[in-house]
Amino acid sequence: MLDTDTYRVALMRRLRQLDARLHAIEEELDAPRAPDWEEAATERENDEVLERLGLAGEAEVTRIRAALDRIRKGHYGICTQCGEEISVARLDALPETPLCQRCAAEIS
């Protein structure tokens, strides 16, 4: 039987890390900008990178929350597409994954 407590702890730890990172990104994006034209242009480029990182982090938060919901409902480790078990090796690598390797490959 799958030890969901281990995955729950890992997912919660990752959620806390992402929360801290997203707050730091938000603070950086809200920081005052340089009045110098060239510095402001560089800062805008950096902001674009930070925004992409923020969006990726928010997407991961969504996947983690969905995985935690599957744990609560007793469906964790079961592929949401085909209903087969997700391998432990895959869950160890991607604990938030909703798909088995076969279904993920079909989508890619």
Protein backbone atom coordinates (compact mmCIF):
# COMPACT_ATOMS: atom_id res chain seq x y z
CA MET A 1 0.00 0.00 0.00
CA LEU A 2 1.16 3.51 -0.86
CA ASP A 3 2.43 5.60 2.06
CA THR A 4 0.52 8.79 1.31
CA ASP A 5 1.74 10.49 4.51
CA THR A 6 5.26 10.67 3.09
CA TYR A 7 3.97 12.29 -0.09
CA ARG A 8 1.66 14.62 1.82
CA VAL A 9 4.59 15.87 3.91
CA ALA A 10 6.74 16.36 0.79
CA LEU A 11 3.94 18.17 -1.02
CA MET A 12 3.28 20.45 1.94
CA ARG A 13 6.99 21.25 2.22
CA ARG A 14 7.13 22.12 -1.48
CA LEU A 15 3.99 24.25 -1.11
CA ARG A 16 5.68 26.26 1.65
CA GLN A 17 8.80 26.71 -0.52
CA LEU A 18 6.70 27.91 -3.44
CA ASP A 19 4.73 30.26 -1.20
CA ALA A 20 7.96 31.90 -0.01
CA ARG A 21 9.30 32.12 -3.56
CA LEU A 22 6.07 33.61 -4.93
CA HIS A 23 6.01 36.21 -2.16
CA ALA A 24 9.61 37.16 -2.94
CA ILE A 25 8.77 37.48 -6.64
CA GLU A 26 5.76 39.64 -5.82
CA GLU A 27 7.88 41.90 -3.59
CA GLU A 28 10.49 42.26 -6.32
CA LEU A 29 7.85 43.10 -8.93
CA ASP A 30 6.31 45.70 -6.59
CA ALA A 31 9.67 47.35 -5.80
CA PRO A 32 10.24 50.91 -7.00
CA ARG A 33 11.89 51.21 -10.41
CA ALA A 34 15.05 53.07 -11.31
CA PRO A 35 14.52 56.47 -12.89
CA ASP A 36 17.37 55.83 -15.34
CA TRP A 37 16.09 54.79 -18.78
CA GLU A 38 18.63 51.99 -19.36
CA GLU A 39 18.30 50.59 -15.86
CA ALA A 40 14.50 50.68 -16.16
CA ALA A 41 14.70 48.72 -19.43
CA THR A 42 16.86 46.06 -17.78
CA GLU A 43 14.48 45.91 -14.83
CA ARG A 44 11.53 45.39 -17.20
CA GLU A 45 13.34 42.46 -18.80
CA ASN A 46 14.00 41.01 -15.36
CA ASP A 47 10.34 41.54 -14.47
CA GLU A 48 9.30 39.47 -17.49
CA VAL A 49 11.47 36.60 -16.27
CA LEU A 50 10.07 36.94 -12.75
CA GLU A 51 6.52 36.95 -14.09
CA ARG A 52 7.16 33.71 -16.01
CA LEU A 53 8.69 32.15 -12.90
CA GLY A 54 5.67 33.32 -10.91
CA LEU A 55 3.24 31.79 -13.40
CA ALA A 56 5.14 28.50 -13.36
CA GLY A 57 5.12 28.55 -9.55
CA GLU A 58 1.38 29.23 -9.46
CA ALA A 59 0.77 26.32 -11.85
CA GLU A 60 2.81 24.04 -9.59
CA VAL A 61 0.85 25.24 -6.54
CA THR A 62 -2.37 24.30 -8.36
CA ARG A 63 -1.03 20.82 -9.16
CA ILE A 64 0.14 20.32 -5.56
CA ARG A 65 -3.22 21.37 -4.13
CA ALA A 66 -4.95 18.96 -6.50
CA ALA A 67 -2.61 16.17 -5.36
CA LEU A 68 -3.32 16.98 -1.70
CA ASP A 69 -7.03 16.85 -2.50
CA ARG A 70 -6.56 13.41 -4.09
CA ILE A 71 -4.77 12.28 -0.91
CA ARG A 72 -7.68 13.52 1.24
CA LYS A 73 -10.18 11.74 -1.00
CA GLY A 74 -8.16 8.51 -1.08
CA HIS A 75 -7.44 8.68 -4.83
CA TYR A 76 -3.76 9.58 -4.67
CA GLY A 77 -1.49 7.41 -6.81
CA ILE A 78 -4.29 6.54 -9.21
CA CYS A 79 -4.10 7.95 -12.74
CA THR A 80 -6.91 10.44 -13.26
CA GLN A 81 -7.12 9.48 -16.92
CA CYS A 82 -7.00 5.67 -17.07
CA GLY A 83 -7.53 4.70 -13.42
CA GLU A 84 -4.37 2.59 -13.21
CA GLU A 85 -1.84 2.92 -10.39
CA ILE A 86 0.93 5.45 -10.86
CA SER A 87 4.33 3.89 -10.24
CA VAL A 88 6.12 4.74 -7.01
CA ALA A 89 9.16 5.80 -9.04
CA ARG A 90 7.02 8.35 -10.91
CA LEU A 91 5.43 9.62 -7.70
CA ASP A 92 8.85 9.92 -6.10
CA ALA A 93 10.01 12.07 -9.03
CA LEU A 94 6.73 14.01 -9.49
CA PRO A 95 4.62 13.68 -6.35
CA GLU A 96 1.99 16.08 -7.72
CA THR A 97 1.44 14.14 -10.95
CA PRO A 98 -2.14 13.10 -11.71
CA LEU A 99 -1.11 10.82 -14.59
CA CYS A 100 0.69 7.52 -15.00
CA GLN A 101 3.67 7.51 -17.32
CA ARG A 102 1.72 6.02 -20.24
CA CYS A 103 -1.07 8.61 -20.10
CA ALA A 104 1.42 11.46 -19.66
CA ALA A 105 3.32 10.25 -22.74
CA GLU A 106 0.09 10.15 -24.74
CA ILE A 107 -0.68 13.75 -23.86
CA SER A 108 2.83 15.02 -24.68
